[in-house]
Amino acid sequence: MDGHRTPFFATTLLFLWRGKLKTFINTLRLPIVAALAFLVIAGLAHAQPSRLPDCYIVSAGIDDYLRANKLKGDVADARNTSAAFLSQKGKIFGNVYNYTLVDAQATRNAILQRMNSFAKVGNPGDFVVIFLSGHGDSNKQSRMWYFLPYDFDPQNSAATIITDKHLLDAADVNVRAGKKVFIIIDACFCGQLNLNAKAYMDKYTDPNGGGLVVIASSNHLQMSNALGPYSAYAKAFYDGMAGNADLNSDGKITLAEMKQYTPARTIAVLREKGNQAKQDAVITWSPSISGNLVMGLGQRVVAPGVGGGFNVAGVRVLIGNETLQGFGDLSFMLYDGGRAVMIDAQSAMQGTWQRTGNTITIGFDNNRIVYTGTVMGNIITGNAKNDRTTWTWSTRLHALTPVAK
């Protein structure tokens, strides 16, 4: 029994049972208040202090493949993701046990052994993180998604890949033990993993139990882009965990905020590098997990010029929401020269924007969809319409990035 969960009378009996009778009788010579205080202190001595959850990470990134096309940026992704969680030690985690595997370290056996070992450690409420950055692919017939470790062999692919089932089965053992498991992938077509994870996620409904979060850098039909120093989504994830995903500036980075921030930031990172690719990050989680789950603590870093609003050159990132039924989260990127990108719950769209005084107008699909808003400092709010209905929207100027060279 834990002392802090035991009723006072039961605590007294336990105290007597443990051979403390003589000491207890001696307390009768004390004033009653002192005697009671003595007993309370004795009970508290057996209480277990509350603890922060621990975090167990395996983070693998491969650039220098043995028998597959070489990449650039994936080793940095693994190190940056490890650093993102390590930075939370003493904040939301008690201890962080990190295993970063890069290039020749990131063999199939090494990755599988490390992630399977987490089933033997930790306690309910602890976090488990599996991060993979490198080549990924899917089987169009079976809809299986798989990751290519360092020692992948195309002549023996079945025995040298890591499949979605490997990942989800490893996660399942930990979720059933009450842990919160994050599978984070930056690899092509990895959104297929989110689709395949649904059967697992549907099993996890107890908010007091474990849960599963799957974060994919692109949807099941898209490539994921490595940009040299880093991959686009991994960079967005790192920036979010560094504090930039704290959209409401309360000092907490929640899962829901990361879901809203990272897709928009991914597109911004691509455009900063002059890359026009479509890449829609996908984040899903089990019913047992709340969007308010705190992933980190850290105030967002306001880019120079954001306080000055729209008068500074660069790419303006607006993040907020809209009331249109079936949508919700809303992000805009507004470029110098009038080009606009909108990311909503469905997809990303290209359009145009202009500003007249404190009014901005953003149009898409040959102005069949028009957002009109008023700039009030860093807040932009207004109405939108299409050929069927009207609705309201509100965003905050969240970041200002330099124009791509």
Protein backbone atom coordinates (compact mmCIF):
# COMPACT_ATOMS: atom_id res chain seq x y z
CA MET A 1 0.00 0.00 0.00
CA ASP A 2 1.15 3.55 -0.68
CA GLY A 3 0.91 5.72 2.44
CA HIS A 4 -0.50 8.70 0.57
CA ARG A 5 -3.42 6.60 -0.70
CA THR A 6 -4.22 5.01 2.73
CA PRO A 7 -6.98 6.40 5.01
CA PHE A 8 -5.72 7.84 8.28
CA PHE A 9 -7.14 5.00 10.41
CA ALA A 10 -5.60 2.38 8.16
CA THR A 11 -2.29 4.22 8.28
CA THR A 12 -2.38 4.06 12.09
CA LEU A 13 -3.05 0.31 12.03
CA LEU A 14 -0.23 -0.19 9.57
CA PHE A 15 1.99 1.87 11.83
CA LEU A 16 1.17 -0.43 14.77
CA TRP A 17 1.55 -3.60 12.71
CA ARG A 18 5.08 -2.64 11.74
CA GLY A 19 6.25 -2.89 15.34
CA LYS A 20 6.00 0.76 16.20
CA LEU A 21 3.70 0.14 19.19
CA LYS A 22 6.21 1.37 21.76
CA THR A 23 6.85 4.57 19.82
CA PHE A 24 3.13 5.05 19.35
CA ILE A 25 2.45 4.68 23.09
CA ASN A 26 5.15 7.21 23.82
CA THR A 27 3.31 9.72 21.68
CA LEU A 28 0.39 9.52 24.12
CA ARG A 29 2.55 11.48 26.57
CA LEU A 30 2.67 14.32 24.06
CA PRO A 31 -0.03 16.93 23.60
CA ILE A 32 -2.69 15.60 21.26
CA VAL A 33 -1.76 18.02 18.44
CA ALA A 34 1.86 16.94 18.57
CA ALA A 35 0.85 13.29 18.63
CA LEU A 36 -1.33 13.70 15.57
CA ALA A 37 1.42 15.56 13.78
CA PHE A 38 3.80 12.72 14.57
CA LEU A 39 1.46 10.16 13.06
CA VAL A 40 0.85 12.25 9.93
CA ILE A 41 4.59 12.65 9.41
CA ALA A 42 5.06 8.92 9.90
CA GLY A 43 2.44 8.25 7.24
CA LEU A 44 3.99 10.72 4.82
CA ALA A 45 7.35 9.04 5.24
CA HIS A 46 5.94 6.10 3.31
CA ALA A 47 4.35 8.24 0.58
CA GLN A 48 5.80 8.01 -2.88
CA PRO A 49 6.47 11.45 -4.38
CA SER A 50 4.88 12.18 -7.73
CA ARG A 51 7.33 11.90 -10.59
CA LEU A 52 7.71 13.21 -14.07
CA PRO A 53 7.39 10.54 -16.76
CA ASP A 54 10.55 9.25 -18.37
CA CYS A 55 11.12 9.23 -22.12
CA TYR A 56 12.76 6.46 -24.17
CA ILE A 57 13.92 7.36 -27.69
CA VAL A 58 15.39 5.51 -30.61
CA SER A 59 16.19 8.00 -33.37
CA ALA A 60 17.61 6.66 -36.64
CA GLY A 61 18.77 8.61 -39.70
CA ILE A 62 20.57 7.33 -42.77
CA ASP A 63 22.35 9.28 -45.51
CA ASP A 64 25.10 6.89 -46.56
CA TYR A 65 23.15 3.80 -47.67
CA LEU A 66 25.04 0.65 -48.63
CA ARG A 67 22.80 -0.39 -51.52
CA ALA A 68 20.32 2.47 -52.01
CA ASN A 69 20.55 6.03 -53.26
CA LYS A 70 22.41 8.23 -50.82
CA LEU A 71 20.62 11.07 -49.08
CA LYS A 72 21.54 14.35 -47.36
CA GLY A 73 19.99 15.65 -44.18
CA ASP A 74 18.62 12.47 -42.61
CA VAL A 75 21.48 12.01 -40.15
CA ALA A 76 20.91 15.61 -39.02
CA ASP A 77 17.19 14.82 -38.67
CA ALA A 78 17.91 12.00 -36.22
CA ARG A 79 20.23 14.14 -34.13
CA ASN A 80 17.87 17.12 -34.14
CA THR A 81 14.88 15.01 -33.11
CA SER A 82 16.86 13.46 -30.27
CA ALA A 83 17.89 16.96 -29.19
CA ALA A 84 14.26 18.13 -29.26
CA PHE A 85 13.23 15.53 -26.68
CA LEU A 86 16.46 15.74 -24.67
CA SER A 87 15.78 19.45 -24.20
CA GLN A 88 12.66 18.51 -22.24
CA LYS A 89 14.55 16.67 -19.50
CA GLY A 90 13.64 18.25 -16.19
CA LYS A 91 10.71 20.05 -17.81
CA ILE A 92 8.13 17.43 -18.75
CA PHE A 93 10.39 14.37 -18.42
CA GLY A 94 12.30 13.05 -15.44
CA ASN A 95 14.93 11.16 -17.40
CA VAL A 96 15.43 10.89 -21.15
CA TYR A 97 17.06 7.68 -22.38
CA ASN A 98 18.23 8.42 -25.90
CA TYR A 99 19.68 6.09 -28.54
CA THR A 100 20.63 7.89 -31.75
CA LEU A 101 21.61 5.57 -34.60
CA VAL A 102 23.10 7.10 -37.74
CA ASP A 103 24.32 5.58 -41.01
CA ALA A 104 26.15 2.28 -40.32
CA GLN A 105 24.73 2.18 -36.78
CA ALA A 106 21.18 2.17 -38.12
CA THR A 107 21.00 -1.43 -39.26
CA ARG A 108 17.76 -3.35 -39.30
CA ASN A 109 18.70 -5.43 -36.27
CA ALA A 110 19.95 -2.45 -34.29
CA ILE A 111 16.76 -0.46 -34.83
CA LEU A 112 14.45 -3.42 -34.14
CA GLN A 113 16.36 -4.52 -31.06
CA ARG A 114 16.42 -1.07 -29.57
CA MET A 115 12.74 -0.29 -30.12
CA ASN A 116 11.67 -3.75 -28.90
CA SER A 117 13.80 -3.33 -25.77
CA PHE A 118 11.55 -0.50 -24.58
CA ALA A 119 8.86 -3.05 -23.69
CA LYS A 120 11.08 -4.20 -20.81
CA VAL A 121 11.63 -0.80 -19.21
CA GLY A 122 9.65 2.12 -17.91
CA ASN A 123 6.31 2.58 -16.21
CA PRO A 124 2.75 3.51 -17.14
CA GLY A 125 2.67 7.13 -18.25
CA ASP A 126 6.19 7.08 -19.69
CA PHE A 127 6.85 8.17 -23.28
CA VAL A 128 8.34 6.03 -26.04
CA VAL A 129 9.56 7.73 -29.23
CA ILE A 130 10.53 5.94 -32.44
CA PHE A 131 11.92 8.30 -35.10
CA LEU A 132 13.08 7.18 -38.55
CA SER A 133 14.47 9.35 -41.36
CA GLY A 134 15.60 7.86 -44.64
CA HIS A 135 14.13 6.02 -47.61
CA GLY A 136 10.58 4.70 -47.36
CA ASP A 137 8.21 3.03 -49.79
CA SER A 138 4.91 1.19 -49.93
CA ASN A 139 3.53 -1.88 -51.64
CA LYS A 140 0.60 -0.67 -53.72
CA GLN A 141 -1.08 -4.08 -53.70
CA SER A 142 -0.81 -4.97 -50.01
CA ARG A 143 -0.70 -1.31 -48.86
CA MET A 144 2.19 -2.17 -46.60
CA TRP A 145 4.58 0.68 -45.82
CA TYR A 146 8.22 -0.01 -45.04
CA PHE A 147 11.45 1.76 -44.10
CA LEU A 148 14.90 1.05 -45.54
CA PRO A 149 17.57 0.71 -42.84
CA TYR A 150 21.27 1.17 -43.56
CA ASP A 151 21.82 -2.46 -44.60
CA PHE A 152 18.81 -2.76 -46.90
CA ASP A 153 19.47 -5.22 -49.71
CA PRO A 154 17.22 -5.02 -52.79
CA GLN A 155 18.12 -8.63 -53.58
CA ASN A 156 16.71 -9.69 -50.21
CA SER A 157 14.27 -6.93 -49.41
CA ALA A 158 11.81 -8.95 -47.30
CA ALA A 159 14.51 -9.73 -44.76
CA THR A 160 16.16 -6.30 -44.77
CA ILE A 161 13.28 -3.82 -44.39
CA ILE A 162 11.40 -2.56 -41.36
CA THR A 163 7.67 -2.82 -42.01
CA ASP A 164 4.73 -0.93 -40.62
CA LYS A 165 3.81 -4.09 -38.70
CA HIS A 166 7.20 -4.12 -36.99
CA LEU A 167 6.62 -0.56 -35.83
CA LEU A 168 3.00 -0.95 -34.81
CA ASP A 169 3.51 -4.25 -32.99
CA ALA A 170 6.39 -2.74 -31.01
CA ALA A 171 4.19 0.24 -30.18
CA ASP A 172 1.28 -1.99 -29.20
CA VAL A 173 3.24 -3.76 -26.45
CA ASN A 174 4.15 -0.43 -24.89
CA VAL A 175 0.68 1.10 -25.24
CA ARG A 176 -0.86 -1.91 -23.51
CA ALA A 177 1.62 -1.30 -20.68
CA GLY A 178 0.17 2.20 -20.25
CA LYS A 179 2.84 4.18 -22.12
CA LYS A 180 2.40 6.97 -24.65
CA VAL A 181 4.08 5.96 -27.89
CA PHE A 182 5.09 8.34 -30.68
CA ILE A 183 6.05 6.94 -34.09
CA ILE A 184 7.56 9.81 -36.10
CA ILE A 185 8.61 9.15 -39.68
CA ASP A 186 10.30 11.37 -42.27
CA ALA A 187 10.34 9.19 -45.37
CA CYS A 188 8.43 8.93 -48.63
CA PHE A 189 4.81 7.72 -48.63
CA CYS A 190 4.84 7.32 -44.86
CA GLY A 191 1.27 8.59 -44.54
CA GLN A 192 0.34 5.00 -45.38
CA LEU A 193 1.47 4.15 -41.86
CA ASN A 194 -1.24 6.40 -40.42
CA LEU A 195 -3.86 4.56 -42.45
CA ASN A 196 -2.55 1.17 -41.35
CA ALA A 197 -2.37 2.27 -37.73
CA LYS A 198 -6.11 2.85 -37.46
CA ALA A 199 -6.91 -0.73 -36.43
CA TYR A 200 -4.39 -0.41 -33.62
CA MET A 201 -5.55 3.03 -32.54
CA ASP A 202 -9.20 1.99 -32.36
CA LYS A 203 -8.27 -0.38 -29.53
CA TYR A 204 -6.89 2.37 -27.31
CA THR A 205 -9.80 4.26 -25.78
CA ASP A 206 -8.99 4.57 -22.07
CA PRO A 207 -7.81 8.14 -21.31
CA ASN A 208 -6.11 6.80 -18.18
CA GLY A 209 -4.17 4.20 -20.16
CA GLY A 210 -1.58 4.25 -22.90
CA GLY A 211 -1.94 5.71 -26.36
CA LEU A 212 -0.44 5.91 -29.83
CA VAL A 213 0.52 8.95 -31.91
CA VAL A 214 1.68 8.52 -35.52
CA ILE A 215 3.35 11.50 -37.19
CA ALA A 216 4.14 11.23 -40.90
CA SER A 217 6.08 13.76 -42.95
CA SER A 218 3.90 13.27 -46.04
CA ASN A 219 0.70 11.57 -47.05
CA HIS A 220 0.56 8.07 -48.54
CA LEU A 221 0.96 9.33 -52.12
CA GLN A 222 3.70 11.91 -51.62
CA MET A 223 7.46 12.04 -51.51
CA SER A 224 9.18 13.52 -48.47
CA ASN A 225 11.84 16.05 -49.29
CA ALA A 226 15.38 16.12 -47.91
CA LEU A 227 16.93 19.54 -48.42
CA GLY A 228 20.61 19.02 -47.66
CA PRO A 229 21.10 20.30 -44.11
CA TYR A 230 17.84 18.64 -43.03
CA SER A 231 14.55 17.21 -44.27
CA ALA A 232 11.60 19.58 -44.55
CA TYR A 233 9.30 17.95 -42.02
CA ALA A 234 12.00 17.05 -39.52
CA LYS A 235 13.06 20.69 -39.54
CA ALA A 236 9.45 21.79 -38.95
CA PHE A 237 9.14 19.31 -36.08
CA TYR A 238 12.35 20.55 -34.47
CA ASP A 239 11.26 24.19 -34.82
CA GLY A 240 7.91 23.36 -33.26
CA MET A 241 9.46 21.57 -30.29
CA ALA A 242 11.86 24.50 -29.82
CA GLY A 243 8.83 26.61 -28.89
CA ASN A 244 7.49 27.87 -32.19
CA ALA A 245 4.46 25.55 -32.03
CA ASP A 246 3.31 27.33 -28.86
CA LEU A 247 0.55 29.00 -30.83
CA ASN A 248 -1.30 30.48 -27.87
CA SER A 249 1.91 31.61 -26.11
CA ASP A 250 1.11 29.80 -22.86
CA GLY A 251 4.56 28.19 -22.66
CA LYS A 252 3.21 24.72 -23.51
CA ILE A 253 3.63 22.86 -26.80
CA THR A 254 0.67 20.55 -27.22
CA LEU A 255 0.00 17.75 -29.67
CA ALA A 256 -2.84 19.73 -31.25
CA GLU A 257 -0.57 22.75 -31.71
CA MET A 258 2.09 20.58 -33.36
CA LYS A 259 -0.57 19.19 -35.69
CA GLN A 260 -1.47 22.70 -36.74
CA TYR A 261 2.01 24.19 -36.84
CA THR A 262 4.16 21.54 -38.52
CA PRO A 263 2.28 21.12 -41.84
CA ALA A 264 2.38 24.88 -42.43
CA ARG A 265 5.99 25.11 -41.35
CA THR A 266 6.94 22.20 -43.63
CA ILE A 267 5.60 24.04 -46.67
CA ALA A 268 7.37 27.22 -45.53
CA VAL A 269 10.68 25.35 -45.19
CA LEU A 270 10.29 23.95 -48.70
CA ARG A 271 9.48 27.34 -50.18
CA GLU A 272 12.40 28.96 -48.37
CA LYS A 273 14.62 26.55 -50.32
CA GLY A 274 12.80 27.29 -53.59
CA ASN A 275 11.16 23.85 -53.58
CA GLN A 276 7.58 23.87 -54.91
CA ALA A 277 6.76 20.25 -53.99
CA LYS A 278 3.49 19.30 -52.32
CA GLN A 279 4.07 17.66 -48.94
CA ASP A 280 1.18 17.29 -46.54
CA ALA A 281 2.18 16.11 -43.09
CA VAL A 282 -0.27 13.76 -41.39
CA ILE A 283 -0.67 13.47 -37.60
CA THR A 284 -3.17 11.04 -36.04
CA TRP A 285 -3.62 9.68 -32.53
CA SER A 286 -5.71 7.15 -30.65
CA PRO A 287 -8.91 8.10 -28.77
CA SER A 288 -7.02 7.57 -25.50
CA ILE A 289 -4.80 10.57 -26.29
CA SER A 290 -5.91 14.19 -25.91
CA GLY A 291 -4.88 16.93 -28.27
CA ASN A 292 -3.95 18.86 -25.12
CA LEU A 293 -1.16 16.38 -24.38
CA VAL A 294 1.93 18.47 -23.62
CA MET A 295 4.92 17.47 -25.73
CA GLY A 296 7.21 20.18 -24.46
CA LEU A 297 7.65 23.45 -22.63
CA GLY A 298 9.14 26.49 -24.29
CA GLN A 299 8.07 29.93 -25.39
CA ARG A 300 7.89 30.49 -29.10
CA VAL A 301 10.64 32.56 -30.67
CA VAL A 302 9.19 35.60 -32.40
CA ALA A 303 11.06 36.31 -35.60
CA PRO A 304 12.44 39.82 -36.14
CA GLY A 305 9.83 41.98 -37.78
CA VAL A 306 6.77 40.04 -36.63
CA GLY A 307 5.94 42.74 -34.14
CA GLY A 308 6.02 45.21 -36.99
CA GLY A 309 3.41 43.28 -38.90
CA PHE A 310 3.29 43.22 -42.67
CA ASN A 311 5.74 46.02 -43.39
CA VAL A 312 8.83 43.80 -43.39
CA ALA A 313 9.88 41.80 -46.44
CA GLY A 314 9.64 38.03 -46.18
CA VAL A 315 7.24 35.11 -46.07
CA ARG A 316 4.45 35.76 -43.58
CA VAL A 317 3.05 32.66 -41.85
CA LEU A 318 -0.48 33.08 -40.49
CA ILE A 319 -1.90 30.31 -38.29
CA GLY A 320 -5.44 30.13 -36.95
CA ASN A 321 -8.83 28.62 -37.70
CA GLU A 322 -12.05 29.04 -39.64
CA THR A 323 -15.72 28.22 -38.99
CA LEU A 324 -16.44 26.54 -42.33
CA GLN A 325 -18.07 23.19 -41.58
CA GLY A 326 -15.72 20.25 -42.05
CA PHE A 327 -12.59 22.38 -41.80
CA GLY A 328 -11.14 24.11 -38.71
CA ASP A 329 -7.37 24.62 -38.66
CA LEU A 330 -6.21 27.20 -41.17
CA SER A 331 -2.79 28.49 -42.23
CA PHE A 332 -1.64 30.98 -44.85
CA MET A 333 1.78 31.78 -46.24
CA LEU A 334 1.87 35.18 -47.90
CA TYR A 335 4.86 35.95 -50.12
CA ASP A 336 6.21 39.25 -51.37
CA GLY A 337 4.89 39.77 -54.87
CA GLY A 338 1.36 38.60 -54.10
CA ARG A 339 1.62 34.80 -54.07
CA ALA A 340 -0.32 32.97 -51.35
CA VAL A 341 -0.51 29.39 -50.13
CA MET A 342 -3.40 28.15 -47.98
CA ILE A 343 -3.22 24.96 -45.92
CA ASP A 344 -6.50 23.76 -44.48
CA ALA A 345 -7.92 20.47 -43.23
CA GLN A 346 -8.19 19.16 -46.79
CA SER A 347 -5.16 20.22 -48.79
CA ALA A 348 -2.84 23.04 -49.83
CA MET A 349 -3.92 25.60 -52.46
CA GLN A 350 -2.06 28.26 -54.40
CA GLY A 351 -3.57 31.73 -54.76
CA THR A 352 -2.89 35.45 -54.58
CA TRP A 353 -3.10 38.18 -51.95
CA GLN A 354 -3.01 41.94 -51.71
CA ARG A 355 -3.18 44.56 -49.00
CA THR A 356 -4.96 47.91 -49.03
CA GLY A 357 -4.49 49.85 -45.83
CA ASN A 358 -5.34 47.46 -43.00
CA THR A 359 -7.40 45.18 -45.22
CA ILE A 360 -5.96 42.07 -46.87
CA THR A 361 -7.70 40.01 -49.53
CA ILE A 362 -6.61 36.44 -50.27
CA GLY A 363 -8.11 34.65 -53.26
CA PHE A 364 -8.02 31.07 -54.55
CA ASP A 365 -9.42 29.14 -57.51
CA ASN A 366 -9.64 32.26 -59.69
CA ASN A 367 -11.21 34.14 -56.78
CA ARG A 368 -14.06 31.67 -56.35
CA ILE A 369 -12.83 31.45 -52.75
CA VAL A 370 -12.00 34.79 -51.12
CA TYR A 371 -10.79 35.59 -47.61
CA THR A 372 -11.05 39.23 -46.53
CA GLY A 373 -9.52 40.29 -43.23
CA THR A 374 -8.50 43.25 -41.12
CA VAL A 375 -4.96 43.53 -39.77
CA MET A 376 -4.87 44.51 -36.10
CA GLY A 377 -1.23 44.23 -35.04
CA ASN A 378 -0.40 40.54 -35.39
CA ILE A 379 -4.05 39.44 -35.47
CA ILE A 380 -5.86 39.12 -38.80
CA THR A 381 -9.57 38.28 -38.70
CA GLY A 382 -12.47 38.55 -41.12
CA ASN A 383 -14.97 36.80 -43.38
CA ALA A 384 -14.63 34.36 -46.25
CA LYS A 385 -16.95 33.24 -49.00
CA ASN A 386 -17.27 30.82 -51.88
CA ASP A 387 -20.10 30.37 -54.38
CA ARG A 388 -22.25 28.58 -51.77
CA THR A 389 -21.73 30.09 -48.32
CA THR A 390 -19.87 32.53 -46.07
CA TRP A 391 -17.95 31.95 -42.82
CA THR A 392 -15.52 33.67 -40.46
CA TRP A 393 -11.79 33.16 -39.93
CA SER A 394 -9.07 34.36 -37.57
CA THR A 395 -5.29 34.03 -37.66
CA ARG A 396 -2.19 35.29 -35.92
CA LEU A 397 1.00 36.38 -37.69
CA HIS A 398 3.17 33.65 -36.26
CA ALA A 399 6.46 33.95 -38.11
CA LEU A 400 8.28 35.98 -40.69
CA THR A 401 10.99 34.16 -42.65
CA PRO A 402 13.53 35.61 -45.07
CA VAL A 403 12.83 35.50 -48.77
CA ALA A 404 14.54 32.48 -50.41
CA LYS A 405 17.77 33.37 -52.19
